[in-house]
Amino acid sequence: MTNLTFLRNFTKDDPEKMKRYISLYLDVAQKNFEEMKRNLADKDWEQLRINAHSLKPQADFMGINSLKEELIKIEEAIVTKKFDVLENLLFKSLKIAADSEIILNEMLQQL
């Protein structure tokens, strides 16, 4: 689910840098998902699309490809005005993020 190859290469396997980037991701992702839930509740589709778009590179950076794929689906659903699928897509994204958060927190403990 989480592949830190890119992060390891980017930080040259420096544990302190890896900790910093993982912690930053965890903080930003949590805030972003809270905002996305509000966007969905408010039916603010454009802001939901923007928030999903902004989280994609961060998910990619952490090697969470399944999350990146769901975020792309959210963007596409908004662009094609398929708003009825957004709740399910956001739920899937939240589940992937929660599962990967557990893994990333375990990695933080090991570094």
Protein backbone atom coordinates (compact mmCIF):
# COMPACT_ATOMS: atom_id res chain seq x y z
CA MET A 1 0.00 0.00 0.00
CA THR A 2 2.84 2.41 0.84
CA ASN A 3 6.07 2.34 -1.14
CA LEU A 4 8.67 4.77 0.16
CA THR A 5 11.22 4.11 -2.60
CA PHE A 6 10.87 7.64 -3.98
CA LEU A 7 11.13 9.18 -0.50
CA ARG A 8 14.18 7.05 0.33
CA ASN A 9 15.89 8.14 -2.88
CA PHE A 10 14.87 11.77 -2.43
CA THR A 11 16.20 11.92 1.14
CA LYS A 12 19.19 9.67 0.40
CA ASP A 13 17.86 7.38 3.18
CA ASP A 14 18.36 10.10 5.79
CA PRO A 15 16.09 9.00 8.67
CA GLU A 16 15.58 12.53 10.01
CA LYS A 17 14.56 13.88 6.61
CA MET A 18 12.27 10.90 6.08
CA LYS A 19 10.63 11.51 9.46
CA ARG A 20 10.12 15.16 8.60
CA TYR A 21 8.51 14.42 5.22
CA ILE A 22 6.30 11.63 6.56
CA SER A 23 5.15 13.82 9.47
CA LEU A 24 4.45 16.69 7.12
CA TYR A 25 2.42 14.44 4.83
CA LEU A 26 0.39 13.05 7.73
CA ASP A 27 -0.43 16.55 8.96
CA VAL A 28 -1.28 17.98 5.55
CA ALA A 29 -3.30 14.96 4.43
CA GLN A 30 -5.44 15.01 7.55
CA LYS A 31 -6.24 18.70 7.13
CA ASN A 32 -6.87 18.25 3.42
CA PHE A 33 -9.31 15.38 3.99
CA GLU A 34 -11.20 17.40 6.61
CA GLU A 35 -11.55 20.17 4.04
CA MET A 36 -12.65 17.67 1.38
CA LYS A 37 -15.38 16.35 3.69
CA ARG A 38 -16.62 19.92 4.16
CA ASN A 39 -16.47 20.49 0.40
CA LEU A 40 -18.60 17.40 -0.17
CA ALA A 41 -21.13 18.42 2.49
CA ASP A 42 -21.32 21.94 1.02
CA LYS A 43 -21.43 20.60 -2.55
CA ASP A 44 -18.47 22.83 -3.33
CA TRP A 45 -17.36 20.68 -6.24
CA GLU A 46 -14.66 22.96 -7.58
CA GLN A 47 -12.93 23.27 -4.22
CA LEU A 48 -13.23 19.50 -3.73
CA ARG A 49 -11.53 19.02 -7.10
CA ILE A 50 -8.78 21.47 -6.16
CA ASN A 51 -8.18 19.75 -2.82
CA ALA A 52 -8.08 16.30 -4.43
CA HIS A 53 -5.69 17.62 -7.05
CA SER A 54 -3.37 19.16 -4.45
CA LEU A 55 -3.17 15.93 -2.45
CA LYS A 56 -2.21 13.76 -5.45
CA PRO A 57 1.51 14.64 -5.56
CA GLN A 58 1.78 14.15 -1.82
CA ALA A 59 0.23 10.69 -2.05
CA ASP A 60 2.59 9.97 -4.94
CA PHE A 61 5.55 11.18 -2.89
CA MET A 62 4.62 8.72 -0.12
CA GLY A 63 4.12 5.93 -2.65
CA ILE A 64 0.40 5.57 -1.92
CA ASN A 65 -0.60 4.82 -5.50
CA SER A 66 -4.09 3.56 -4.68
CA LEU A 67 -4.88 6.88 -2.99
CA LYS A 68 -3.55 8.82 -5.97
CA GLU A 69 -5.83 6.76 -8.25
CA GLU A 70 -8.90 7.53 -6.12
CA LEU A 71 -8.06 11.23 -6.07
CA ILE A 72 -7.85 11.18 -9.87
CA LYS A 73 -11.29 9.53 -9.94
CA ILE A 74 -12.66 12.33 -7.74
CA GLU A 75 -11.27 14.94 -10.12
CA GLU A 76 -12.68 13.12 -13.15
CA ALA A 77 -16.10 12.71 -11.54
CA ILE A 78 -16.28 16.44 -10.90
CA VAL A 79 -15.12 17.37 -14.38
CA THR A 80 -17.73 15.03 -15.91
CA LYS A 81 -20.37 16.19 -13.40
CA LYS A 82 -20.91 12.71 -11.91
CA PHE A 83 -21.49 14.12 -8.45
CA ASP A 84 -23.46 11.08 -7.27
CA VAL A 85 -20.27 8.96 -7.05
CA LEU A 86 -18.23 11.47 -5.05
CA GLU A 87 -19.30 10.34 -1.59
CA ASN A 88 -18.22 6.77 -2.34
CA LEU A 89 -14.93 7.90 -3.90
CA LEU A 90 -14.14 10.12 -0.94
CA PHE A 91 -14.99 7.28 1.46
CA LYS A 92 -12.57 4.98 -0.41
CA SER A 93 -9.90 7.67 -0.32
CA LEU A 94 -10.36 8.17 3.42
CA LYS A 95 -10.08 4.42 4.03
CA ILE A 96 -6.86 4.17 2.01
CA ALA A 97 -5.46 7.23 3.78
CA ALA A 98 -6.34 5.81 7.21
CA ASP A 99 -4.76 2.44 6.40
CA SER A 100 -1.62 4.07 5.02
CA GLU A 101 -1.45 6.40 8.04
CA ILE A 102 -1.08 3.36 10.28
CA ILE A 103 1.78 2.07 8.12
CA LEU A 104 3.47 5.47 7.97
CA ASN A 105 3.22 5.91 11.74
CA GLU A 106 4.81 2.49 12.20
CA MET A 107 7.61 3.54 9.85
CA LEU A 108 8.11 6.73 11.88
CA GLN A 109 8.63 4.59 14.96
CA GLN A 110 11.21 2.46 13.16
CA LEU A 111 13.26 5.37 11.81
